[in-house]
Amino acid sequence: MNNEPKIASKSETIGVAESRDLLQMKKTMALGLTMDEYVMIATVFGAACDRILKENGLE
């Protein structure tokens, strides 16, 4: 049995269509990104992770 806490976003999130768009963009663009662009994208993902942890009292 998994006893790890369940965490989820408490903010309004993107829908399935937008999630699919992001996956398609990744497939199309991943190998064309510069390191600076990669870092900018990773920073956005990190900010989203920080927000979700904060919303769940796990900061």
C-alpha atoms as a PDB file:
ATOM      1  CA  MET A   1       0.000   0.000   0.000  1.00  0.00           C
ATOM      2  CA  ASN A   2       1.284   3.459  -0.914  1.00  0.00           C
ATOM      3  CA  ASN A   3       1.270   5.792   2.104  1.00  0.00           C
ATOM      4  CA  GLU A   4       2.744   8.804   0.297  1.00  0.00           C
ATOM      5  CA  PRO A   5       0.606  11.959   0.501  1.00  0.00           C
ATOM      6  CA  LYS A   6      -1.400  12.843  -2.590  1.00  0.00           C
ATOM      7  CA  ILE A   7      -0.661  16.321  -3.882  1.00  0.00           C
ATOM      8  CA  ALA A   8      -2.559  18.208  -6.548  1.00  0.00           C
ATOM      9  CA  SER A   9      -2.927  21.729  -7.830  1.00  0.00           C
ATOM     10  CA  LYS A  10      -5.542  23.772  -6.056  1.00  0.00           C
ATOM     11  CA  SER A  11      -5.330  26.463  -8.750  1.00  0.00           C
ATOM     12  CA  GLU A  12      -7.222  26.381 -12.027  1.00  0.00           C
ATOM     13  CA  THR A  13      -5.121  24.303 -14.418  1.00  0.00           C
ATOM     14  CA  ILE A  14      -4.859  23.820 -18.167  1.00  0.00           C
ATOM     15  CA  GLY A  15      -7.081  21.283 -19.861  1.00  0.00           C
ATOM     16  CA  VAL A  16      -6.344  18.070 -21.702  1.00  0.00           C
ATOM     17  CA  ALA A  17      -6.117  19.862 -25.060  1.00  0.00           C
ATOM     18  CA  GLU A  18      -3.463  22.273 -23.761  1.00  0.00           C
ATOM     19  CA  SER A  19      -1.563  19.404 -22.150  1.00  0.00           C
ATOM     20  CA  ARG A  20      -1.541  17.559 -25.483  1.00  0.00           C
ATOM     21  CA  ASP A  21      -0.375  20.741 -27.236  1.00  0.00           C
ATOM     22  CA  LEU A  22       2.580  20.991 -24.836  1.00  0.00           C
ATOM     23  CA  LEU A  23       3.534  17.369 -25.500  1.00  0.00           C
ATOM     24  CA  GLN A  24       3.353  17.941 -29.262  1.00  0.00           C
ATOM     25  CA  MET A  25       5.421  21.137 -28.972  1.00  0.00           C
ATOM     26  CA  LYS A  26       8.045  19.183 -27.041  1.00  0.00           C
ATOM     27  CA  LYS A  27       8.228  16.508 -29.725  1.00  0.00           C
ATOM     28  CA  THR A  28       8.574  19.150 -32.431  1.00  0.00           C
ATOM     29  CA  MET A  29      10.922  21.624 -30.751  1.00  0.00           C
ATOM     30  CA  ALA A  30      13.006  19.794 -28.128  1.00  0.00           C
ATOM     31  CA  LEU A  31      16.071  19.269 -30.314  1.00  0.00           C
ATOM     32  CA  GLY A  32      15.965  22.857 -31.587  1.00  0.00           C
ATOM     33  CA  LEU A  33      16.131  24.583 -28.201  1.00  0.00           C
ATOM     34  CA  THR A  34      19.150  26.523 -27.059  1.00  0.00           C
ATOM     35  CA  MET A  35      20.437  26.007 -23.528  1.00  0.00           C
ATOM     36  CA  ASP A  36      18.995  29.398 -22.502  1.00  0.00           C
ATOM     37  CA  GLU A  37      15.552  28.411 -23.822  1.00  0.00           C
ATOM     38  CA  TYR A  38      15.769  25.065 -22.029  1.00  0.00           C
ATOM     39  CA  VAL A  39      16.612  26.832 -18.760  1.00  0.00           C
ATOM     40  CA  MET A  40      13.645  29.221 -19.193  1.00  0.00           C
ATOM     41  CA  ILE A  41      11.253  26.299 -19.721  1.00  0.00           C
ATOM     42  CA  ALA A  42      12.716  24.346 -16.791  1.00  0.00           C
ATOM     43  CA  THR A  43      12.314  27.465 -14.619  1.00  0.00           C
ATOM     44  CA  VAL A  44       8.593  27.626 -15.452  1.00  0.00           C
ATOM     45  CA  PHE A  45       8.171  23.943 -14.534  1.00  0.00           C
ATOM     46  CA  GLY A  46      10.080  24.538 -11.292  1.00  0.00           C
ATOM     47  CA  ALA A  47       7.813  27.481 -10.420  1.00  0.00           C
ATOM     48  CA  ALA A  48       4.744  25.309 -11.022  1.00  0.00           C
ATOM     49  CA  CYS A  49       6.179  22.594  -8.746  1.00  0.00           C
ATOM     50  CA  ASP A  50       6.920  25.150  -6.027  1.00  0.00           C
ATOM     51  CA  ARG A  51       3.340  26.527  -6.288  1.00  0.00           C
ATOM     52  CA  ILE A  52       1.768  23.070  -6.025  1.00  0.00           C
ATOM     53  CA  LEU A  53       3.920  22.153  -3.023  1.00  0.00           C
ATOM     54  CA  LYS A  54       3.003  25.447  -1.342  1.00  0.00           C
ATOM     55  CA  GLU A  55      -0.718  24.900  -2.041  1.00  0.00           C
ATOM     56  CA  ASN A  56      -0.433  21.525  -0.334  1.00  0.00           C
ATOM     57  CA  GLY A  57       1.552  22.800   2.659  1.00  0.00           C
ATOM     58  CA  LEU A  58       4.658  20.884   1.618  1.00  0.00           C
ATOM     59  CA  GLU A  59       7.052  23.736   0.836  1.00  0.00           C
END
